[in-house]
Amino acid sequence: MKTPCIGICKNNEGICMGCHRTMPEILEWRHFTDEQRDTKMEQIQRVASTHTCQQCGQPAYCEISAGKNHCWCFEINNRDTSSIQGADCLCRSCLSKLPIKVG
């Protein structure tokens, strides 16, 4: 089974520090079809993107921007984005590095 896992597994408040999958994505991975896994891996590995991450300038994927009602970032603990200017989402890597939002 294809997986983006790189063997550096650590739950960082809802997102894996190694492969940047959310905990629900990891738990449901074995139930995804091969096509769903390929699509998700392209998003995680920045092959498929909806915009450029304003923090690092690399491709990023937002499911809301892609026309869906739910995004992967809803599955992790809220990060403090107060230091970020602009409206576009951050990539998984940059968002996971931000501190957890308090309050």
C-alpha atoms as a PDB file:
ATOM      1  CA  MET A   1       0.000   0.000   0.000  1.00  0.00           C
ATOM      2  CA  LYS A   2       1.366   3.427  -0.921  1.00  0.00           C
ATOM      3  CA  THR A   3       1.959   5.803   1.953  1.00  0.00           C
ATOM      4  CA  PRO A   4       3.768   9.119   2.509  1.00  0.00           C
ATOM      5  CA  CYS A   5       5.051   7.836   5.870  1.00  0.00           C
ATOM      6  CA  ILE A   6       8.787   8.440   6.309  1.00  0.00           C
ATOM      7  CA  GLY A   7       9.075   6.683   9.673  1.00  0.00           C
ATOM      8  CA  ILE A   8       9.442   9.841  11.761  1.00  0.00           C
ATOM      9  CA  CYS A   9       6.031   9.603  13.374  1.00  0.00           C
ATOM     10  CA  LYS A  10       5.068  12.160  15.991  1.00  0.00           C
ATOM     11  CA  ASN A  11       1.621  13.617  16.576  1.00  0.00           C
ATOM     12  CA  ASN A  12       1.995  17.405  16.664  1.00  0.00           C
ATOM     13  CA  GLU A  13      -1.457  18.387  17.891  1.00  0.00           C
ATOM     14  CA  GLY A  14      -3.282  16.613  15.083  1.00  0.00           C
ATOM     15  CA  ILE A  15      -0.685  16.469  12.307  1.00  0.00           C
ATOM     16  CA  CYS A  16       2.217  14.050  11.903  1.00  0.00           C
ATOM     17  CA  MET A  17       5.596  15.769  12.023  1.00  0.00           C
ATOM     18  CA  GLY A  18       7.023  13.222   9.581  1.00  0.00           C
ATOM     19  CA  CYS A  19       4.552  12.832   6.718  1.00  0.00           C
ATOM     20  CA  HIS A  20       2.224  15.784   7.502  1.00  0.00           C
ATOM     21  CA  ARG A  21      -0.925  13.688   7.390  1.00  0.00           C
ATOM     22  CA  THR A  22      -3.653  14.550   9.865  1.00  0.00           C
ATOM     23  CA  MET A  23      -4.537  11.950  12.465  1.00  0.00           C
ATOM     24  CA  PRO A  24      -7.889  11.173  10.729  1.00  0.00           C
ATOM     25  CA  GLU A  25      -6.024  10.724   7.424  1.00  0.00           C
ATOM     26  CA  ILE A  26      -3.625   8.274   9.070  1.00  0.00           C
ATOM     27  CA  LEU A  27      -6.455   6.338  10.725  1.00  0.00           C
ATOM     28  CA  GLU A  28      -8.504   6.131   7.513  1.00  0.00           C
ATOM     29  CA  TRP A  29      -5.548   5.530   5.159  1.00  0.00           C
ATOM     30  CA  ARG A  30      -6.126   1.794   4.857  1.00  0.00           C
ATOM     31  CA  HIS A  31      -9.743   2.419   3.847  1.00  0.00           C
ATOM     32  CA  PHE A  32      -8.834   4.828   1.025  1.00  0.00           C
ATOM     33  CA  THR A  33      -8.830   3.564  -2.537  1.00  0.00           C
ATOM     34  CA  ASP A  34      -5.535   3.618  -4.420  1.00  0.00           C
ATOM     35  CA  GLU A  35      -6.819   6.683  -6.292  1.00  0.00           C
ATOM     36  CA  GLN A  36      -7.681   8.483  -3.043  1.00  0.00           C
ATOM     37  CA  ARG A  37      -4.227   7.671  -1.633  1.00  0.00           C
ATOM     38  CA  ASP A  38      -2.511   8.930  -4.814  1.00  0.00           C
ATOM     39  CA  THR A  39      -4.537  12.155  -4.729  1.00  0.00           C
ATOM     40  CA  LYS A  40      -3.803  12.782  -1.048  1.00  0.00           C
ATOM     41  CA  MET A  41      -0.097  12.039  -1.510  1.00  0.00           C
ATOM     42  CA  GLU A  42       0.080  14.514  -4.415  1.00  0.00           C
ATOM     43  CA  GLN A  43      -1.446  17.164  -2.152  1.00  0.00           C
ATOM     44  CA  ILE A  44       0.839  16.394   0.801  1.00  0.00           C
ATOM     45  CA  GLN A  45       3.969  16.186  -1.364  1.00  0.00           C
ATOM     46  CA  ARG A  46       3.110  19.461  -3.145  1.00  0.00           C
ATOM     47  CA  VAL A  47       2.573  17.915  -6.574  1.00  0.00           C
ATOM     48  CA  ALA A  48      -1.057  19.090  -6.591  1.00  0.00           C
ATOM     49  CA  SER A  49      -1.655  22.609  -5.302  1.00  0.00           C
ATOM     50  CA  THR A  50      -4.281  25.321  -5.197  1.00  0.00           C
ATOM     51  CA  HIS A  51      -1.935  28.197  -4.320  1.00  0.00           C
ATOM     52  CA  THR A  52       1.505  29.131  -3.048  1.00  0.00           C
ATOM     53  CA  CYS A  53       2.160  29.072   0.690  1.00  0.00           C
ATOM     54  CA  GLN A  54       2.718  32.656   1.774  1.00  0.00           C
ATOM     55  CA  GLN A  55       5.173  31.545   4.451  1.00  0.00           C
ATOM     56  CA  CYS A  56       7.627  29.401   2.468  1.00  0.00           C
ATOM     57  CA  GLY A  57       6.687  30.148  -1.155  1.00  0.00           C
ATOM     58  CA  GLN A  58       6.160  26.450  -1.973  1.00  0.00           C
ATOM     59  CA  PRO A  59       3.009  24.916  -3.469  1.00  0.00           C
ATOM     60  CA  ALA A  60       0.176  24.309  -0.982  1.00  0.00           C
ATOM     61  CA  TYR A  61      -3.204  22.628  -1.170  1.00  0.00           C
ATOM     62  CA  CYS A  62      -6.444  23.942   0.355  1.00  0.00           C
ATOM     63  CA  GLU A  63      -9.504  21.754  -0.031  1.00  0.00           C
ATOM     64  CA  ILE A  64     -11.810  24.784   0.410  1.00  0.00           C
ATOM     65  CA  SER A  65     -10.058  26.538  -2.478  1.00  0.00           C
ATOM     66  CA  ALA A  66     -10.508  23.320  -4.474  1.00  0.00           C
ATOM     67  CA  GLY A  67     -14.285  23.588  -3.973  1.00  0.00           C
ATOM     68  CA  LYS A  68     -14.841  21.257  -1.035  1.00  0.00           C
ATOM     69  CA  ASN A  69     -16.724  22.064   2.191  1.00  0.00           C
ATOM     70  CA  HIS A  70     -14.060  20.681   4.529  1.00  0.00           C
ATOM     71  CA  CYS A  71     -10.286  21.075   4.618  1.00  0.00           C
ATOM     72  CA  TRP A  72      -7.511  18.983   6.177  1.00  0.00           C
ATOM     73  CA  CYS A  73      -6.611  21.934   8.431  1.00  0.00           C
ATOM     74  CA  PHE A  74      -9.967  21.589  10.245  1.00  0.00           C
ATOM     75  CA  GLU A  75      -8.677  18.278  11.629  1.00  0.00           C
ATOM     76  CA  ILE A  76      -5.741  19.723  13.565  1.00  0.00           C
ATOM     77  CA  ASN A  77      -5.624  21.948  16.629  1.00  0.00           C
ATOM     78  CA  ASN A  78      -5.892  25.619  15.716  1.00  0.00           C
ATOM     79  CA  ARG A  79      -2.556  27.302  15.212  1.00  0.00           C
ATOM     80  CA  ASP A  80      -1.797  30.922  16.074  1.00  0.00           C
ATOM     81  CA  THR A  81      -1.737  32.612  12.663  1.00  0.00           C
ATOM     82  CA  SER A  82      -1.792  36.164  14.058  1.00  0.00           C
ATOM     83  CA  SER A  83       1.735  36.786  12.748  1.00  0.00           C
ATOM     84  CA  ILE A  84       0.715  35.790   9.201  1.00  0.00           C
ATOM     85  CA  GLN A  85      -0.466  38.430   6.746  1.00  0.00           C
ATOM     86  CA  GLY A  86      -2.781  37.577   3.858  1.00  0.00           C
ATOM     87  CA  ALA A  87      -5.750  35.352   3.225  1.00  0.00           C
ATOM     88  CA  ASP A  88      -4.231  32.227   1.687  1.00  0.00           C
ATOM     89  CA  CYS A  89      -3.687  29.083   3.713  1.00  0.00           C
ATOM     90  CA  LEU A  90      -0.267  27.868   4.722  1.00  0.00           C
ATOM     91  CA  CYS A  91       1.152  24.544   3.568  1.00  0.00           C
ATOM     92  CA  ARG A  92       1.047  21.584   5.945  1.00  0.00           C
ATOM     93  CA  SER A  93       4.680  22.001   6.917  1.00  0.00           C
ATOM     94  CA  CYS A  94       4.466  25.706   7.757  1.00  0.00           C
ATOM     95  CA  LEU A  95       1.124  25.409   9.559  1.00  0.00           C
ATOM     96  CA  SER A  96       2.410  22.552  11.706  1.00  0.00           C
ATOM     97  CA  LYS A  97       5.361  24.699  12.865  1.00  0.00           C
ATOM     98  CA  LEU A  98       3.135  27.460  14.292  1.00  0.00           C
ATOM     99  CA  PRO A  99       2.305  27.446  18.011  1.00  0.00           C
ATOM    100  CA  ILE A 100      -1.093  26.218  19.174  1.00  0.00           C
ATOM    101  CA  LYS A 101      -3.663  28.987  19.506  1.00  0.00           C
ATOM    102  CA  VAL A 102      -4.506  29.651  23.146  1.00  0.00           C
ATOM    103  CA  GLY A 103      -8.046  30.645  24.091  1.00  0.00           C
END
